[in-house]
Amino acid sequence: MNDQPLLLTKRDDGVAIISTNDDPLNRMTLAYVDQLEAVVEDIAADDAVRAFVITAEGTKNFSVGMNLKELGAGMADVGVDAFFDQRINLISRIETMGKPSVATLFGYCLGGGLELPLGCTFRLAAATGAQIGLPEMDLGLTPAWGGSARLAKTIGRTPALDMILRAKKVSGPEALDIGLVSEVWPVEELKERAIALAVELAAQPRLAVKAMLDALHDSEDKTLAELLAAERAGVHSTMGTPDAAEGMLAFLEKRPPVFDQ
């Protein structure tokens, strides 16, 4: 049995799969965060990886969050701010590396088990059994991995406060209704659907994908002029590239494009 905190699989189709290896709880331990940090940098540096999936072993829980028994020791080693900064910076790295990511939400997705997916480009949830939330209020605490900020940006201030202040957990269909996830699938199909989406994203032109991810990052905080300028930067970065030429040729030849840049 592999006792690593997470498993990394790189496929031939440009997709990498990161899977938490602590079934059934899939806790985000200190060792898990350290290893995920290294894996994310590996994916960012590997041009062969064009999209990635963040999931977990088994079908019971995506993650119950961090192992609270490690909290005191972890903060004692580096201090409160450095401890949480590592996690916030890790999620920001996923969010801004310029490669699309897909997270699967099933079973318990609590605390860090929601905060990590909030940094992903897309989130897919199980149609039944998912309990998604930030329950820190029940512990007398607040979210600390950027969860309150990203949840509010994703679903709006009032729905975010409704979830956080009441330590409320939502199902997959409820998450879809409030815009927290983009798709809902039977749990037995969820990982396959996430991988299929990542494969589709990996087949898109890399520079154009990165341009749009960069342009629309924090788009709700940008003015129209800033968004238009970001879009124009994308035009300049993609015009005249081999992928642009392939896209035009494929259109004229009435066939699907095959991008490779």
Protein backbone atom coordinates (compact mmCIF):
# COMPACT_ATOMS: atom_id res chain seq x y z
CA MET A 1 0.00 0.00 0.00
CA ASN A 2 1.26 3.49 -0.89
CA ASP A 3 1.53 5.53 2.30
CA GLN A 4 2.18 8.86 0.56
CA PRO A 5 -0.27 11.65 1.59
CA LEU A 6 -1.26 12.11 -2.03
CA LEU A 7 -0.89 10.36 -5.36
CA LEU A 8 0.11 12.03 -8.62
CA THR A 9 -0.70 10.52 -12.00
CA LYS A 10 0.39 12.13 -15.27
CA ARG A 11 -1.48 10.94 -18.33
CA ASP A 12 -0.44 10.99 -21.98
CA ASP A 13 -3.28 13.35 -22.88
CA GLY A 14 -1.85 16.33 -21.00
CA VAL A 15 -3.85 15.76 -17.80
CA ALA A 16 -2.46 15.23 -14.31
CA ILE A 17 -4.50 13.82 -11.43
CA ILE A 18 -3.76 14.72 -7.81
CA SER A 19 -5.55 12.43 -5.37
CA THR A 20 -5.55 12.71 -1.57
CA ASN A 21 -4.48 9.32 -0.24
CA ASP A 22 -6.19 9.05 3.16
CA ASP A 23 -9.43 7.23 2.37
CA PRO A 24 -12.04 7.47 3.84
CA LEU A 25 -11.44 10.81 5.61
CA ASN A 26 -8.84 12.20 3.18
CA ARG A 27 -7.51 14.63 5.76
CA MET A 28 -5.28 17.52 4.69
CA THR A 29 -2.43 16.78 7.06
CA LEU A 30 0.79 18.75 7.49
CA ALA A 31 2.56 16.21 5.30
CA TYR A 32 -0.20 16.48 2.70
CA VAL A 33 0.14 20.26 2.40
CA ASP A 34 3.93 20.02 2.07
CA GLN A 35 3.67 17.36 -0.63
CA LEU A 36 0.88 19.19 -2.47
CA GLU A 37 3.04 22.30 -2.53
CA ALA A 38 5.81 20.36 -4.28
CA VAL A 39 3.40 18.62 -6.68
CA VAL A 40 1.76 21.91 -7.70
CA GLU A 41 5.17 23.38 -8.54
CA ASP A 42 5.98 20.26 -10.55
CA ILE A 43 2.76 20.61 -12.53
CA ALA A 44 3.34 24.32 -13.08
CA ALA A 45 6.81 23.63 -14.51
CA ASP A 46 5.83 20.66 -16.68
CA ASP A 47 4.80 21.84 -20.16
CA ALA A 48 3.39 18.38 -20.89
CA VAL A 49 0.69 18.97 -18.26
CA ARG A 50 -1.95 21.31 -19.62
CA ALA A 51 -4.79 20.72 -17.14
CA PHE A 52 -5.18 18.88 -13.84
CA VAL A 53 -7.76 17.31 -11.55
CA ILE A 54 -7.79 17.54 -7.76
CA THR A 55 -9.67 14.62 -6.23
CA ALA A 56 -9.35 12.03 -3.46
CA GLU A 57 -9.15 8.28 -3.06
CA GLY A 58 -12.36 6.33 -2.57
CA THR A 59 -15.91 7.58 -2.96
CA LYS A 60 -16.81 8.43 0.64
CA ASN A 61 -15.28 11.88 1.24
CA PHE A 62 -13.31 14.41 -0.75
CA SER A 63 -11.86 15.76 2.50
CA VAL A 64 -12.95 16.43 6.06
CA GLY A 65 -10.33 19.21 6.10
CA MET A 66 -7.12 19.41 8.04
CA ASN A 67 -6.23 17.08 10.89
CA LEU A 68 -7.12 19.30 13.86
CA LYS A 69 -4.87 17.25 16.13
CA GLU A 70 -1.91 18.67 14.18
CA LEU A 71 -3.04 22.30 14.37
CA GLY A 72 -1.27 23.27 17.57
CA ALA A 73 2.02 21.62 16.69
CA GLY A 74 1.96 23.01 13.16
CA MET A 75 1.45 26.60 14.31
CA ALA A 76 4.01 26.20 17.11
CA ASP A 77 6.68 25.23 14.59
CA VAL A 78 6.37 28.27 12.30
CA GLY A 79 3.89 30.68 13.89
CA VAL A 80 0.23 31.31 13.13
CA ASP A 81 0.67 33.61 10.14
CA ALA A 82 3.33 31.53 8.39
CA PHE A 83 1.28 28.39 8.96
CA PHE A 84 -1.81 29.76 7.26
CA ASP A 85 0.13 31.76 4.67
CA GLN A 86 1.56 28.49 3.33
CA ARG A 87 -1.96 27.23 2.65
CA ILE A 88 -3.26 30.51 1.23
CA ASN A 89 -0.22 30.82 -1.06
CA LEU A 90 -0.61 27.22 -2.21
CA ILE A 91 -4.23 27.77 -3.23
CA SER A 92 -3.31 31.05 -4.92
CA ARG A 93 -0.62 29.21 -6.90
CA ILE A 94 -3.20 26.74 -8.19
CA GLU A 95 -5.52 29.62 -9.04
CA THR A 96 -2.96 31.71 -10.93
CA MET A 97 -0.55 29.24 -12.59
CA GLY A 98 -2.28 29.61 -15.95
CA LYS A 99 -3.39 25.98 -16.23
CA PRO A 100 -7.05 25.01 -15.73
CA SER A 101 -7.94 22.79 -12.79
CA VAL A 102 -11.00 20.71 -11.91
CA ALA A 103 -11.98 19.67 -8.37
CA THR A 104 -14.39 16.89 -7.39
CA LEU A 105 -16.67 17.44 -4.41
CA PHE A 106 -18.22 14.35 -2.80
CA GLY A 107 -19.06 13.29 0.72
CA TYR A 108 -17.64 15.67 3.30
CA CYS A 109 -15.97 18.72 1.74
CA LEU A 110 -15.30 20.75 4.85
CA GLY A 111 -12.90 23.53 5.83
CA GLY A 112 -9.81 23.05 3.70
CA GLY A 113 -11.85 20.47 1.81
CA LEU A 114 -13.82 23.37 0.34
CA GLU A 115 -11.11 26.06 0.45
CA LEU A 116 -8.78 24.09 -1.83
CA PRO A 117 -11.47 23.50 -4.51
CA LEU A 118 -12.40 27.19 -4.35
CA GLY A 119 -8.99 27.90 -5.89
CA CYS A 120 -9.73 25.61 -8.86
CA THR A 121 -11.08 26.74 -12.22
CA PHE A 122 -14.04 24.36 -12.12
CA ARG A 123 -15.76 22.36 -9.39
CA LEU A 124 -17.94 19.31 -10.04
CA ALA A 125 -20.09 17.84 -7.26
CA ALA A 126 -21.76 14.53 -6.54
CA ALA A 127 -25.51 14.52 -7.08
CA THR A 128 -26.07 12.81 -3.72
CA GLY A 129 -24.19 12.56 -0.45
CA ALA A 130 -22.08 15.73 -0.69
CA GLN A 131 -21.89 17.96 2.39
CA ILE A 132 -20.01 21.08 1.40
CA GLY A 133 -19.22 23.87 3.83
CA LEU A 134 -16.98 25.91 6.09
CA PRO A 135 -17.96 24.73 9.60
CA GLU A 136 -15.33 26.68 11.57
CA MET A 137 -18.02 28.61 13.50
CA ASP A 138 -18.92 25.39 15.27
CA LEU A 139 -15.35 25.35 16.63
CA GLY A 140 -15.42 29.01 17.68
CA LEU A 141 -13.09 29.83 14.77
CA THR A 142 -13.18 31.38 11.31
CA PRO A 143 -12.04 30.04 7.92
CA ALA A 144 -8.29 30.52 7.61
CA TRP A 145 -7.24 29.22 4.18
CA GLY A 146 -8.91 32.03 2.25
CA GLY A 147 -12.30 30.34 2.34
CA SER A 148 -14.40 33.33 3.36
CA ALA A 149 -12.88 35.55 0.67
CA ARG A 150 -13.13 33.04 -2.17
CA LEU A 151 -16.59 31.82 -1.19
CA ALA A 152 -17.90 35.40 -1.18
CA LYS A 153 -16.28 36.06 -4.57
CA THR A 154 -17.77 32.85 -5.96
CA ILE A 155 -21.36 32.94 -4.71
CA GLY A 156 -21.78 36.47 -3.34
CA ARG A 157 -21.54 38.05 0.11
CA THR A 158 -24.98 37.16 1.49
CA PRO A 159 -25.00 33.48 0.47
CA ALA A 160 -21.42 33.15 1.76
CA LEU A 161 -22.35 34.64 5.11
CA ASP A 162 -25.38 32.35 5.27
CA MET A 163 -23.11 29.34 4.89
CA ILE A 164 -20.29 30.57 7.16
CA LEU A 165 -22.21 32.11 10.07
CA ARG A 166 -24.56 29.13 10.30
CA ALA A 167 -21.82 26.55 9.66
CA LYS A 168 -24.18 25.43 6.93
CA LYS A 169 -23.45 22.47 4.67
CA VAL A 170 -24.95 22.34 1.17
CA SER A 171 -25.56 19.39 -1.11
CA GLY A 172 -24.32 19.02 -4.66
CA PRO A 173 -27.59 20.25 -6.23
CA GLU A 174 -27.74 23.16 -3.76
CA ALA A 175 -24.13 24.04 -4.63
CA LEU A 176 -25.11 24.07 -8.31
CA ASP A 177 -28.07 26.34 -7.61
CA ILE A 178 -25.91 28.97 -5.87
CA GLY A 179 -23.09 28.83 -8.41
CA LEU A 180 -20.58 27.08 -6.17
CA VAL A 181 -20.14 24.23 -8.66
CA SER A 182 -20.65 24.10 -12.41
CA GLU A 183 -21.83 20.50 -12.82
CA VAL A 184 -23.43 17.72 -10.77
CA TRP A 185 -22.99 14.00 -11.53
CA PRO A 186 -23.71 10.67 -9.85
CA VAL A 187 -20.85 9.99 -7.47
CA GLU A 188 -19.81 6.86 -9.37
CA GLU A 189 -19.31 9.00 -12.51
CA LEU A 190 -17.88 12.10 -10.86
CA LYS A 191 -14.15 11.44 -11.23
CA GLU A 192 -14.54 10.25 -14.82
CA ARG A 193 -16.48 13.41 -15.68
CA ALA A 194 -13.84 15.59 -14.03
CA ILE A 195 -11.09 13.87 -16.00
CA ALA A 196 -13.11 14.20 -19.21
CA LEU A 197 -13.44 17.95 -18.61
CA ALA A 198 -9.71 18.22 -17.93
CA VAL A 199 -8.97 16.31 -21.15
CA GLU A 200 -11.17 18.76 -23.06
CA LEU A 201 -9.39 21.73 -21.48
CA ALA A 202 -5.95 20.20 -22.12
CA ALA A 203 -6.78 19.93 -25.83
CA GLN A 204 -7.38 23.67 -26.08
CA PRO A 205 -4.59 26.06 -27.24
CA ARG A 206 -2.30 26.51 -24.23
CA LEU A 207 -1.40 30.17 -24.74
CA ALA A 208 -5.00 31.17 -25.37
CA VAL A 209 -6.17 29.28 -22.27
CA LYS A 210 -3.53 30.98 -20.13
CA ALA A 211 -4.42 34.38 -21.58
CA MET A 212 -8.06 33.95 -20.60
CA LEU A 213 -7.27 32.57 -17.15
CA ASP A 214 -5.00 35.56 -16.54
CA ALA A 215 -7.48 38.06 -17.99
CA LEU A 216 -10.46 36.86 -15.95
CA HIS A 217 -8.64 36.25 -12.67
CA ASP A 218 -10.42 38.43 -10.07
CA SER A 219 -12.54 39.82 -12.91
CA GLU A 220 -15.23 40.94 -10.47
CA ASP A 221 -12.73 43.41 -8.98
CA LYS A 222 -11.55 44.82 -12.32
CA THR A 223 -13.03 47.68 -14.29
CA LEU A 224 -14.32 47.16 -17.81
CA ALA A 225 -11.29 49.06 -19.09
CA GLU A 226 -8.94 46.72 -17.22
CA LEU A 227 -10.73 43.66 -18.57
CA LEU A 228 -10.61 45.01 -22.11
CA ALA A 229 -6.88 45.69 -21.74
CA ALA A 230 -6.34 42.13 -20.45
CA GLU A 231 -8.29 40.75 -23.38
CA ARG A 232 -6.18 42.79 -25.82
CA ALA A 233 -3.03 41.42 -24.18
CA GLY A 234 -4.40 37.95 -24.93
CA VAL A 235 -4.91 38.92 -28.56
CA HIS A 236 -1.28 39.97 -28.87
CA SER A 237 0.02 36.86 -27.09
CA THR A 238 -1.87 34.45 -29.35
CA MET A 239 -1.89 36.15 -32.75
CA GLY A 240 0.56 34.58 -35.20
CA THR A 241 1.25 31.52 -33.05
CA PRO A 242 1.29 27.99 -34.53
CA ASP A 243 -1.94 27.22 -32.65
CA ALA A 244 -3.65 30.24 -34.20
CA ALA A 245 -2.51 29.10 -37.65
CA GLU A 246 -3.75 25.58 -36.94
CA GLY A 247 -7.10 26.90 -35.73
CA MET A 248 -7.61 28.95 -38.89
CA LEU A 249 -6.52 26.10 -41.16
CA ALA A 250 -8.77 23.61 -39.38
CA PHE A 251 -11.70 26.00 -39.77
CA LEU A 252 -11.07 26.33 -43.50
CA GLU A 253 -10.63 22.58 -43.88
CA LYS A 254 -13.75 21.91 -41.80
CA ARG A 255 -12.01 19.61 -39.31
CA PRO A 256 -11.31 19.72 -35.56
CA PRO A 257 -8.10 21.61 -34.72
CA VAL A 258 -5.14 19.82 -33.17
CA PHE A 259 -3.30 22.28 -30.96
CA ASP A 260 0.21 21.63 -29.71
CA GLN A 261 1.64 24.91 -28.41
